[in-house]
N, C-alpha and C. Protein backbone atom coordinates (compact mmCIF):
# COMPACT_ATOMS: atom_id res chain seq x y z
N UNK A 1 -15.17 -4.98 -14.32
CA UNK A 1 -15.14 -3.93 -13.44
C UNK A 1 -13.99 -2.91 -13.88
N UNK A 2 -14.24 -1.59 -13.93
CA UNK A 2 -13.29 -0.71 -14.44
C UNK A 2 -12.39 -0.40 -13.33
N UNK A 3 -11.19 0.22 -13.70
CA UNK A 3 -10.03 0.39 -12.58
C UNK A 3 -10.72 1.21 -11.61
N UNK A 4 -10.36 0.88 -10.22
CA UNK A 4 -10.96 1.70 -9.20
C UNK A 4 -10.37 3.12 -9.10
N UNK A 5 -11.14 4.13 -8.73
CA UNK A 5 -10.98 5.42 -8.47
C UNK A 5 -11.59 5.73 -7.29
N UNK A 6 -10.91 6.15 -6.26
CA UNK A 6 -11.47 6.57 -4.99
C UNK A 6 -11.09 7.84 -4.43
N UNK A 7 -12.13 8.44 -3.69
CA UNK A 7 -11.69 9.96 -3.27
C UNK A 7 -12.24 9.90 -1.71
N UNK A 8 -11.16 10.63 -1.11
CA UNK A 8 -11.17 10.82 0.25
C UNK A 8 -11.38 12.46 0.56
N UNK A 9 -11.28 13.00 1.67
CA UNK A 9 -11.61 14.31 1.86
C UNK A 9 -10.31 15.07 1.33
N UNK A 10 -9.08 14.36 1.40
CA UNK A 10 -7.93 15.13 0.80
C UNK A 10 -7.02 14.46 -0.27
N UNK A 11 -7.60 13.20 -0.59
CA UNK A 11 -6.87 12.40 -1.64
C UNK A 11 -7.83 12.00 -2.66
N UNK A 12 -6.89 11.61 -3.85
CA UNK A 12 -7.76 10.94 -4.81
C UNK A 12 -6.84 9.73 -4.91
N UNK A 13 -7.37 8.54 -4.97
CA UNK A 13 -6.77 7.16 -5.24
C UNK A 13 -6.95 6.70 -6.61
N UNK A 14 -6.13 6.71 -7.38
CA UNK A 14 -6.36 6.62 -8.88
C UNK A 14 -5.46 5.67 -9.54
N UNK A 15 -5.62 5.21 -10.85
CA UNK A 15 -4.55 4.43 -11.48
C UNK A 15 -3.23 5.33 -11.75
N UNK A 16 -2.23 4.70 -11.73
CA UNK A 16 -0.90 5.38 -12.19
C UNK A 16 -1.16 5.40 -13.36
N UNK A 17 -0.20 6.42 -14.28
CA UNK A 17 0.11 6.67 -15.53
C UNK A 17 1.45 6.63 -15.69
N UNK A 18 2.10 6.48 -17.06
CA UNK A 18 3.40 6.68 -17.16
C UNK A 18 4.00 8.08 -16.94
N UNK A 19 3.21 9.01 -16.94
CA UNK A 19 3.72 10.28 -16.54
C UNK A 19 4.02 10.50 -15.00
N UNK A 20 3.53 9.28 -14.21
CA UNK A 20 3.92 9.42 -12.68
C UNK A 20 5.26 8.75 -12.53
N UNK A 21 5.89 8.32 -13.53
CA UNK A 21 7.06 7.40 -13.31
C UNK A 21 8.30 8.40 -12.78
N UNK A 22 8.64 9.60 -13.31
CA UNK A 22 9.74 10.34 -12.70
C UNK A 22 9.55 10.49 -11.22
N UNK A 23 8.13 10.78 -10.76
CA UNK A 23 8.04 11.03 -9.32
C UNK A 23 7.97 9.83 -8.40
N UNK A 24 7.50 8.69 -9.23
CA UNK A 24 7.62 7.51 -8.52
C UNK A 24 9.18 7.16 -8.22
N UNK A 25 10.01 7.36 -9.25
CA UNK A 25 11.41 7.01 -9.19
C UNK A 25 12.02 7.97 -8.04
N UNK A 26 11.60 9.28 -8.10
CA UNK A 26 12.22 10.04 -7.08
C UNK A 26 11.90 9.57 -5.56
N UNK A 27 10.30 9.56 -5.40
CA UNK A 27 9.79 9.09 -3.98
C UNK A 27 10.17 7.83 -3.57
N UNK A 28 10.01 6.76 -4.40
CA UNK A 28 10.56 5.26 -4.21
C UNK A 28 11.91 5.20 -3.86
N UNK A 29 12.70 5.99 -4.57
CA UNK A 29 14.10 5.86 -4.71
C UNK A 29 14.93 6.10 -3.29
N UNK A 30 14.10 6.82 -2.55
CA UNK A 30 14.53 7.38 -1.36
C UNK A 30 14.93 6.10 -0.34
N UNK A 31 16.13 5.94 0.28
CA UNK A 31 16.44 4.76 0.96
C UNK A 31 15.54 4.51 2.18
N UNK A 32 14.93 5.78 2.78
CA UNK A 32 14.08 5.50 3.92
C UNK A 32 12.65 4.83 3.45
N UNK A 33 12.28 5.16 2.25
CA UNK A 33 11.07 4.43 1.73
C UNK A 33 11.22 3.02 1.51
N UNK A 34 12.35 2.77 0.78
CA UNK A 34 12.66 1.39 0.41
C UNK A 34 12.95 0.57 1.72
N UNK A 35 13.61 1.11 2.72
CA UNK A 35 13.85 0.32 3.91
C UNK A 35 12.56 -0.02 4.70
N UNK A 36 11.50 0.43 4.52
CA UNK A 36 10.30 0.07 5.26
C UNK A 36 9.43 -0.77 4.34
N UNK A 37 9.72 -1.17 2.93
CA UNK A 37 9.14 -2.26 2.22
C UNK A 37 9.80 -3.37 1.99
N UNK A 38 9.03 -4.41 1.55
CA UNK A 38 9.45 -5.63 1.20
C UNK A 38 10.16 -5.70 -0.18
N UNK A 39 9.51 -4.86 -1.19
CA UNK A 39 9.94 -5.17 -2.55
C UNK A 39 10.53 -3.98 -3.19
N UNK A 40 10.49 -2.80 -2.50
CA UNK A 40 11.32 -1.83 -3.40
C UNK A 40 12.58 -1.79 -3.28
N UNK A 41 13.47 -1.92 -4.16
CA UNK A 41 14.82 -2.11 -4.14
C UNK A 41 15.62 -0.68 -4.07
N UNK A 42 16.71 -0.50 -3.48
CA UNK A 42 17.53 0.62 -3.14
C UNK A 42 19.07 0.11 -3.57
N UNK A 43 19.57 0.94 -4.57
CA UNK A 43 19.04 2.03 -5.31
C UNK A 43 17.98 1.33 -6.41
N UNK A 44 17.06 2.58 -6.49
CA UNK A 44 15.83 2.24 -7.26
C UNK A 44 16.60 2.21 -8.85
N UNK A 45 16.37 1.35 -9.60
CA UNK A 45 16.90 1.26 -11.02
C UNK A 45 16.17 1.93 -12.00
N UNK A 46 16.87 2.61 -12.69
CA UNK A 46 16.32 3.51 -13.92
C UNK A 46 15.30 2.64 -14.85
N UNK A 47 14.23 3.06 -15.11
CA UNK A 47 13.10 2.34 -15.94
C UNK A 47 12.18 1.41 -15.08
N UNK A 48 12.71 1.13 -13.66
CA UNK A 48 11.88 0.39 -13.01
C UNK A 48 10.36 0.86 -12.55
N UNK A 49 10.18 2.31 -12.56
CA UNK A 49 8.86 2.79 -12.20
C UNK A 49 8.06 2.65 -13.52
N UNK A 50 8.58 2.52 -14.86
CA UNK A 50 7.78 2.52 -15.86
C UNK A 50 7.24 1.08 -15.87
N UNK A 51 8.27 0.14 -15.67
CA UNK A 51 8.00 -1.22 -15.69
C UNK A 51 6.89 -1.85 -14.54
N UNK A 52 6.88 -1.24 -13.27
CA UNK A 52 6.05 -1.28 -12.43
C UNK A 52 4.68 -0.81 -12.56
N UNK A 53 4.62 0.33 -13.14
CA UNK A 53 3.34 1.19 -13.72
C UNK A 53 2.61 0.40 -14.66
N UNK A 54 3.42 -0.18 -15.73
CA UNK A 54 2.67 -0.91 -16.90
C UNK A 54 2.01 -2.21 -16.59
N UNK A 55 2.65 -2.85 -15.20
CA UNK A 55 1.90 -4.10 -14.87
C UNK A 55 0.69 -4.06 -14.20
N UNK A 56 0.35 -2.75 -13.82
CA UNK A 56 -1.00 -2.59 -13.03
C UNK A 56 -2.41 -2.93 -13.61
N UNK A 57 -2.48 -2.54 -14.82
CA UNK A 57 -3.76 -2.79 -15.58
C UNK A 57 -4.10 -4.48 -15.69
N UNK A 58 -2.86 -5.15 -16.07
CA UNK A 58 -2.99 -6.65 -16.08
C UNK A 58 -3.22 -7.11 -14.89
N UNK A 59 -2.69 -6.77 -13.97
CA UNK A 59 -2.77 -7.39 -12.58
C UNK A 59 -4.19 -7.24 -12.09
N UNK A 60 -4.80 -5.92 -12.15
CA UNK A 60 -6.27 -5.74 -12.08
C UNK A 60 -7.22 -6.67 -12.82
N UNK A 61 -6.96 -6.69 -14.11
CA UNK A 61 -7.70 -7.52 -15.05
C UNK A 61 -7.64 -8.87 -14.69
N UNK A 62 -6.69 -9.43 -14.30
CA UNK A 62 -6.40 -10.91 -13.86
C UNK A 62 -7.08 -11.13 -12.46
N UNK A 63 -7.46 -10.12 -11.65
CA UNK A 63 -8.05 -10.16 -10.36
C UNK A 63 -7.04 -10.49 -9.42
N UNK A 64 -5.63 -10.18 -9.69
CA UNK A 64 -4.50 -10.36 -8.75
C UNK A 64 -4.45 -9.31 -7.71
N UNK A 65 -4.42 -8.11 -8.16
CA UNK A 65 -4.36 -6.90 -7.36
C UNK A 65 -4.55 -5.56 -7.93
N UNK A 66 -4.66 -4.53 -7.08
CA UNK A 66 -5.08 -3.23 -7.39
C UNK A 66 -3.93 -2.37 -6.90
N UNK A 67 -3.36 -1.59 -7.62
CA UNK A 67 -2.48 -0.53 -7.11
C UNK A 67 -2.84 0.91 -7.49
N UNK A 68 -3.00 1.65 -6.51
CA UNK A 68 -3.48 2.96 -6.81
C UNK A 68 -2.37 4.02 -6.39
N UNK A 69 -2.24 5.25 -7.17
CA UNK A 69 -1.52 6.28 -6.79
C UNK A 69 -2.19 7.09 -5.60
N UNK A 70 -1.71 7.61 -4.76
CA UNK A 70 -2.10 8.51 -3.57
C UNK A 70 -1.93 9.89 -4.08
N UNK A 71 -2.95 10.73 -4.46
CA UNK A 71 -2.61 11.94 -4.93
C UNK A 71 -3.23 12.92 -3.94
N UNK A 72 -2.51 13.98 -3.65
CA UNK A 72 -3.24 15.16 -2.80
C UNK A 72 -4.16 15.76 -3.88
N UNK A 73 -5.42 15.92 -3.37
CA UNK A 73 -6.50 16.61 -4.05
C UNK A 73 -6.07 18.08 -4.13
N UNK A 74 -5.67 18.67 -3.34
CA UNK A 74 -5.42 20.10 -3.42
C UNK A 74 -4.49 20.46 -4.49
N UNK A 75 -3.50 20.04 -4.71
CA UNK A 75 -2.40 20.42 -5.52
C UNK A 75 -2.02 19.18 -6.88
N UNK A 76 -2.64 18.00 -6.58
CA UNK A 76 -2.13 16.99 -7.60
C UNK A 76 -0.92 16.27 -7.25
N UNK A 77 -0.33 16.51 -6.09
CA UNK A 77 0.97 16.00 -5.84
C UNK A 77 0.88 14.44 -5.51
N UNK A 78 1.82 13.91 -6.13
CA UNK A 78 1.84 12.30 -5.81
C UNK A 78 2.39 12.15 -4.46
N UNK A 79 1.69 11.38 -3.67
CA UNK A 79 2.22 11.08 -2.34
C UNK A 79 2.85 9.93 -2.16
N UNK A 80 2.36 8.91 -2.75
CA UNK A 80 2.90 7.49 -2.53
C UNK A 80 1.95 6.62 -3.35
N UNK A 81 1.93 5.22 -2.99
CA UNK A 81 1.02 4.36 -3.42
C UNK A 81 0.50 3.15 -2.45
N UNK A 82 -0.65 2.79 -2.94
CA UNK A 82 -1.35 1.67 -1.78
C UNK A 82 -1.91 0.75 -2.83
N UNK A 83 -1.65 -0.53 -2.33
CA UNK A 83 -2.18 -1.62 -3.18
C UNK A 83 -2.78 -2.49 -2.28
N UNK A 84 -3.77 -3.53 -2.95
CA UNK A 84 -4.39 -4.52 -2.33
C UNK A 84 -4.30 -5.80 -3.22
N UNK A 85 -3.34 -6.58 -2.65
CA UNK A 85 -3.26 -7.97 -3.37
C UNK A 85 -4.66 -8.85 -3.12
N UNK A 86 -5.04 -9.39 -4.17
CA UNK A 86 -6.32 -9.99 -3.86
C UNK A 86 -6.25 -11.62 -3.86
N UNK A 87 -6.90 -12.33 -2.88
CA UNK A 87 -6.92 -13.87 -2.91
C UNK A 87 -8.58 -14.03 -2.80
N UNK A 88 -9.01 -14.07 -4.06
CA UNK A 88 -10.63 -14.06 -4.07
C UNK A 88 -10.99 -15.47 -3.60
N UNK A 89 -10.36 -16.51 -3.86
CA UNK A 89 -10.74 -17.79 -3.47
C UNK A 89 -10.87 -17.91 -1.94
N UNK A 90 -10.05 -16.91 -1.26
CA UNK A 90 -10.24 -17.29 0.11
C UNK A 90 -11.04 -15.93 0.63
N UNK A 91 -11.55 -14.81 -0.14
CA UNK A 91 -12.21 -13.85 0.28
C UNK A 91 -11.20 -12.89 1.22
N UNK A 92 -10.17 -12.80 0.81
CA UNK A 92 -9.09 -11.96 1.51
C UNK A 92 -8.17 -11.10 0.68
N UNK A 93 -7.64 -10.24 1.23
CA UNK A 93 -6.61 -9.31 0.61
C UNK A 93 -5.57 -8.77 1.43
N UNK A 94 -4.51 -8.57 0.86
CA UNK A 94 -3.33 -7.90 1.64
C UNK A 94 -3.19 -6.53 1.11
N UNK A 95 -3.02 -5.51 2.25
CA UNK A 95 -3.05 -4.22 1.77
C UNK A 95 -1.39 -3.95 2.10
N UNK A 96 -0.98 -3.08 1.28
CA UNK A 96 0.53 -2.73 1.16
C UNK A 96 0.62 -1.10 0.81
N UNK A 97 1.62 -0.51 1.20
CA UNK A 97 1.67 1.04 0.89
C UNK A 97 3.14 1.57 1.19
N UNK A 98 3.11 2.57 0.56
CA UNK A 98 4.36 3.51 0.76
C UNK A 98 4.12 4.99 0.45
N UNK A 99 4.76 5.86 1.38
CA UNK A 99 4.55 7.25 1.12
C UNK A 99 5.87 7.75 1.17
N UNK A 100 6.00 8.77 0.17
CA UNK A 100 7.38 9.50 0.03
C UNK A 100 7.49 10.30 1.39
N UNK A 101 8.99 10.51 1.68
CA UNK A 101 9.35 11.13 3.08
C UNK A 101 8.82 12.49 3.10
N UNK A 102 8.55 13.23 2.04
CA UNK A 102 8.02 14.50 2.36
C UNK A 102 6.74 14.59 2.76
N UNK A 103 6.09 13.47 2.68
CA UNK A 103 4.43 13.44 3.04
C UNK A 103 4.23 12.54 4.50
N UNK A 104 5.33 12.20 5.13
CA UNK A 104 5.21 11.44 6.25
C UNK A 104 4.62 12.27 7.26
N UNK A 105 3.72 11.61 8.21
CA UNK A 105 3.35 12.26 9.28
C UNK A 105 2.23 13.26 9.18
N UNK A 106 1.44 13.05 8.05
CA UNK A 106 0.56 14.00 7.75
C UNK A 106 -0.87 13.26 7.57
N UNK A 107 -0.97 12.09 7.83
CA UNK A 107 -2.20 11.30 7.90
C UNK A 107 -2.74 10.72 6.59
N UNK A 108 -2.02 10.99 5.55
CA UNK A 108 -2.15 10.47 4.05
C UNK A 108 -2.40 8.97 4.09
N UNK A 109 -1.52 8.28 4.75
CA UNK A 109 -1.50 6.93 4.57
C UNK A 109 -2.68 6.17 5.18
N UNK A 110 -2.85 6.82 6.59
CA UNK A 110 -4.13 6.36 7.11
C UNK A 110 -5.31 6.55 6.28
N UNK A 111 -5.58 7.88 5.79
CA UNK A 111 -6.69 8.15 4.89
C UNK A 111 -6.93 7.18 3.74
N UNK A 112 -5.69 7.01 3.21
CA UNK A 112 -5.83 5.93 1.98
C UNK A 112 -6.17 4.60 2.33
N UNK A 113 -5.54 4.21 3.46
CA UNK A 113 -5.90 2.91 3.73
C UNK A 113 -7.26 2.55 4.32
N UNK A 114 -7.95 3.62 4.93
CA UNK A 114 -9.10 3.67 5.31
C UNK A 114 -10.10 3.40 4.00
N UNK A 115 -9.89 4.29 3.00
CA UNK A 115 -10.53 3.99 1.78
C UNK A 115 -10.52 2.78 0.95
N UNK A 116 -9.10 2.36 1.12
CA UNK A 116 -9.12 0.99 0.29
C UNK A 116 -9.59 -0.14 1.14
N UNK A 117 -9.78 -0.17 2.52
CA UNK A 117 -10.53 -1.20 3.21
C UNK A 117 -12.09 -1.00 3.00
N UNK A 118 -12.62 0.27 2.76
CA UNK A 118 -13.82 0.53 2.42
C UNK A 118 -14.26 -0.20 1.23
N UNK A 119 -13.19 -0.06 0.11
CA UNK A 119 -13.39 -0.49 -1.25
C UNK A 119 -13.44 -2.33 -1.03
N UNK A 120 -12.41 -2.78 -0.28
CA UNK A 120 -12.26 -3.95 -0.12
C UNK A 120 -13.44 -4.67 0.36
N UNK A 121 -13.98 -4.29 1.34
CA UNK A 121 -15.37 -4.79 1.99
C UNK A 121 -16.68 -4.57 1.26
N UNK A 122 -16.76 -3.26 1.11
CA UNK A 122 -18.09 -2.88 0.34
C UNK A 122 -18.32 -3.06 -1.21
N UNK A 123 -17.13 -2.81 -1.75
CA UNK A 123 -17.19 -3.11 -3.31
C UNK A 123 -16.89 -4.47 -3.74
N UNK A 124 -15.66 -4.94 -3.20
CA UNK A 124 -15.30 -6.30 -3.43
C UNK A 124 -15.87 -7.37 -2.75
N UNK A 125 -16.29 -7.14 -1.49
CA UNK A 125 -17.13 -8.19 -0.64
C UNK A 125 -16.16 -9.28 -0.04
N UNK A 126 -14.73 -8.58 0.23
CA UNK A 126 -13.94 -9.42 0.75
C UNK A 126 -14.49 -9.47 2.46
N UNK A 127 -13.90 -10.71 2.94
CA UNK A 127 -14.28 -11.04 4.29
C UNK A 127 -13.08 -10.59 5.02
N UNK A 128 -11.78 -10.65 4.78
CA UNK A 128 -10.77 -10.22 5.71
C UNK A 128 -9.73 -9.46 4.76
N UNK A 129 -9.07 -8.52 5.30
CA UNK A 129 -7.78 -7.80 4.98
C UNK A 129 -6.78 -7.74 5.81
N UNK A 130 -5.39 -8.10 5.54
CA UNK A 130 -4.43 -8.22 6.45
C UNK A 130 -3.13 -7.33 5.68
N UNK A 131 -2.27 -7.23 6.55
CA UNK A 131 -1.21 -6.50 6.29
C UNK A 131 -0.10 -7.01 7.22
N UNK A 132 1.31 -6.70 6.84
CA UNK A 132 2.56 -6.99 7.62
C UNK A 132 3.26 -5.78 7.48
N UNK A 133 4.16 -5.34 8.70
CA UNK A 133 4.97 -4.27 8.61
C UNK A 133 6.32 -4.62 9.30
N UNK A 134 7.50 -4.22 9.02
CA UNK A 134 8.53 -4.67 9.58
C UNK A 134 8.55 -4.08 11.08
N UNK A 135 9.15 -4.76 12.10
CA UNK A 135 9.19 -4.19 13.47
C UNK A 135 9.75 -3.03 13.75
N UNK A 136 10.84 -2.53 12.96
CA UNK A 136 11.39 -1.52 13.06
C UNK A 136 10.80 -0.33 12.25
N UNK A 137 9.75 -0.57 11.84
CA UNK A 137 9.01 0.45 11.44
C UNK A 137 7.30 0.67 12.02
N UNK A 138 7.54 1.22 13.33
CA UNK A 138 6.39 1.23 14.06
C UNK A 138 5.27 2.17 13.47
N UNK A 139 5.69 3.18 12.69
CA UNK A 139 4.89 4.09 12.16
C UNK A 139 3.83 3.50 11.21
N UNK A 140 4.15 2.36 10.54
CA UNK A 140 3.41 1.59 9.69
C UNK A 140 2.21 0.90 10.44
N UNK A 141 2.69 0.36 11.56
CA UNK A 141 1.76 -0.34 12.52
C UNK A 141 0.74 0.57 13.09
N UNK A 142 1.12 1.94 13.27
CA UNK A 142 0.25 2.92 13.84
C UNK A 142 -0.81 3.07 12.77
N UNK A 143 -0.57 3.21 11.56
CA UNK A 143 -1.46 3.41 10.51
C UNK A 143 -2.45 2.03 10.59
N UNK A 144 -1.90 0.90 10.57
CA UNK A 144 -2.77 -0.26 10.66
C UNK A 144 -3.99 -0.16 11.72
N UNK A 145 -3.49 0.22 13.04
CA UNK A 145 -4.24 0.54 14.29
C UNK A 145 -5.22 1.53 14.02
N UNK A 146 -4.90 2.57 13.50
CA UNK A 146 -5.85 3.82 13.26
C UNK A 146 -6.81 3.13 12.37
N UNK A 147 -6.78 2.31 11.46
CA UNK A 147 -7.90 1.92 10.47
C UNK A 147 -8.67 0.81 10.94
N UNK A 148 -8.40 0.24 12.19
CA UNK A 148 -9.12 -0.65 13.13
C UNK A 148 -8.45 -1.95 12.83
N UNK A 149 -7.26 -2.28 12.24
CA UNK A 149 -6.66 -3.61 12.14
C UNK A 149 -6.30 -3.92 13.43
N UNK A 150 -6.26 -5.38 13.82
CA UNK A 150 -5.85 -5.81 15.23
C UNK A 150 -4.45 -6.48 14.93
N UNK A 151 -3.59 -6.32 15.88
CA UNK A 151 -2.24 -6.89 15.87
C UNK A 151 -2.54 -8.57 16.18
N UNK A 152 -2.03 -9.45 15.19
CA UNK A 152 -2.34 -10.86 15.41
C UNK A 152 -1.07 -11.60 15.53
N UNK A 153 0.03 -10.97 15.53
CA UNK A 153 1.18 -11.69 15.98
C UNK A 153 2.70 -11.20 15.21
N UNK A 154 3.60 -11.80 15.70
CA UNK A 154 4.88 -11.34 15.01
C UNK A 154 5.52 -12.57 14.43
N UNK A 155 6.18 -12.31 13.14
CA UNK A 155 6.84 -13.50 12.54
C UNK A 155 8.30 -13.23 12.73
N UNK A 156 8.88 -13.77 13.73
CA UNK A 156 10.34 -13.59 13.99
C UNK A 156 11.23 -13.69 12.89
N UNK A 157 12.04 -12.87 12.72
CA UNK A 157 13.17 -12.87 11.77
C UNK A 157 12.82 -13.54 10.30
N UNK A 158 11.52 -12.98 10.08
CA UNK A 158 10.89 -13.56 8.89
C UNK A 158 11.53 -13.02 7.54
N UNK A 159 11.97 -12.07 7.44
CA UNK A 159 12.25 -11.45 6.09
C UNK A 159 13.71 -11.07 6.15
N UNK A 160 14.50 -11.29 5.26
CA UNK A 160 16.02 -10.88 5.00
C UNK A 160 15.77 -9.63 4.06
N UNK A 161 16.29 -8.59 4.77
CA UNK A 161 16.23 -7.25 3.95
C UNK A 161 17.54 -6.56 4.20
N UNK A 162 18.26 -6.48 3.07
CA UNK A 162 19.75 -5.88 3.15
C UNK A 162 20.63 -6.42 4.30
N UNK A 163 20.66 -7.71 4.22
CA UNK A 163 21.56 -8.30 5.03
C UNK A 163 21.02 -8.63 6.51
N UNK A 164 19.95 -8.25 6.83
CA UNK A 164 19.40 -8.36 8.10
C UNK A 164 18.05 -8.94 8.19
N UNK A 165 18.03 -10.02 9.17
CA UNK A 165 16.69 -10.63 9.36
C UNK A 165 15.69 -9.81 10.16
N UNK A 166 14.52 -9.48 9.62
CA UNK A 166 13.70 -8.57 10.25
C UNK A 166 12.46 -9.41 10.69
N UNK A 167 11.96 -9.03 11.85
CA UNK A 167 10.72 -9.39 12.42
C UNK A 167 9.47 -8.77 11.61
N UNK A 168 8.39 -9.58 11.29
CA UNK A 168 7.25 -8.94 10.78
C UNK A 168 5.99 -9.00 11.66
N UNK A 169 5.42 -7.73 11.73
CA UNK A 169 4.14 -7.63 12.54
C UNK A 169 2.95 -7.86 11.87
N UNK A 170 1.96 -8.86 12.19
CA UNK A 170 0.86 -9.07 11.39
C UNK A 170 -0.25 -8.48 12.01
N UNK A 171 -1.11 -8.03 11.14
CA UNK A 171 -2.44 -7.20 11.29
C UNK A 171 -3.45 -7.68 10.45
N UNK A 172 -4.69 -7.71 11.00
CA UNK A 172 -5.91 -8.13 10.08
C UNK A 172 -7.11 -7.53 10.58
N UNK A 173 -8.14 -7.37 9.86
CA UNK A 173 -9.42 -7.02 10.13
C UNK A 173 -10.62 -7.72 9.31
N UNK A 174 -11.70 -7.88 9.98
CA UNK A 174 -12.64 -8.73 9.29
C UNK A 174 -13.73 -7.74 8.79
N UNK A 175 -14.61 -8.31 7.85
CA UNK A 175 -15.65 -7.18 7.21
C UNK A 175 -16.50 -7.02 8.38
N UNK A 176 -16.83 -7.93 9.18
CA UNK A 176 -17.86 -7.70 10.41
C UNK A 176 -17.36 -6.66 11.40
N UNK A 177 -15.92 -6.23 11.48
CA UNK A 177 -15.45 -5.38 12.37
C UNK A 177 -15.10 -4.10 11.67
N UNK A 178 -15.47 -4.07 10.38
CA UNK A 178 -15.24 -2.67 9.68
C UNK A 178 -16.28 -1.82 10.24
N UNK A 179 -15.93 -0.67 10.46
CA UNK A 179 -16.88 0.37 10.77
C UNK A 179 -16.98 1.52 9.86
C-alpha cells in the first residue's frame, strides 16, 4: 500500500519531506508543544527533524506506524503532525498528534484526527483506536472527545516528564462506534 494521503475540508494529511524539517524544528521546538507530548524533546536538537522525517517511510513499510504532516489546504502552511501507531496483531492503533502554537484553537487537530480515524477503520480495518494525553493538557482531551472517543480511565503519575510525574488520561473508540 502506498503512503497515505488524506484530504479534509481544510487540510491535506500527507507524507513529510525533508523540506518540512525547518518548520518542524520551529513548531515542535516550542516548549508549549513539547510539554504536551511524550517524545518531543526541549530544547529540540538541531538535525532531529531530519532524522524523525527520514524514519517515516520505513515505519510505514514495516507496518509499525504512519506519520502525516497536517498541512492547511488554503496556503500550504505546515500546522503539525498526526500519527497512528499500528498493532495489527491486535487490530488496534494509537493516535498521537501535535499542532504548532500559532494554529491552536482552530479545529485543525480535531479535523485531522477525524480523518485518521476514518483511515484506521475504513482503510486499515482496525477494530480499535486509542490515545492518551497528559491530565494537564485538557485541550488534547477535548479533541479526542470531539472525534467520538470515550474516556476509559486515568493512569496516575504514569509518565515522568521534565522531573514531574504526570497523570495520563486514556481514551478509545471501536470501529462499531465510529460514525
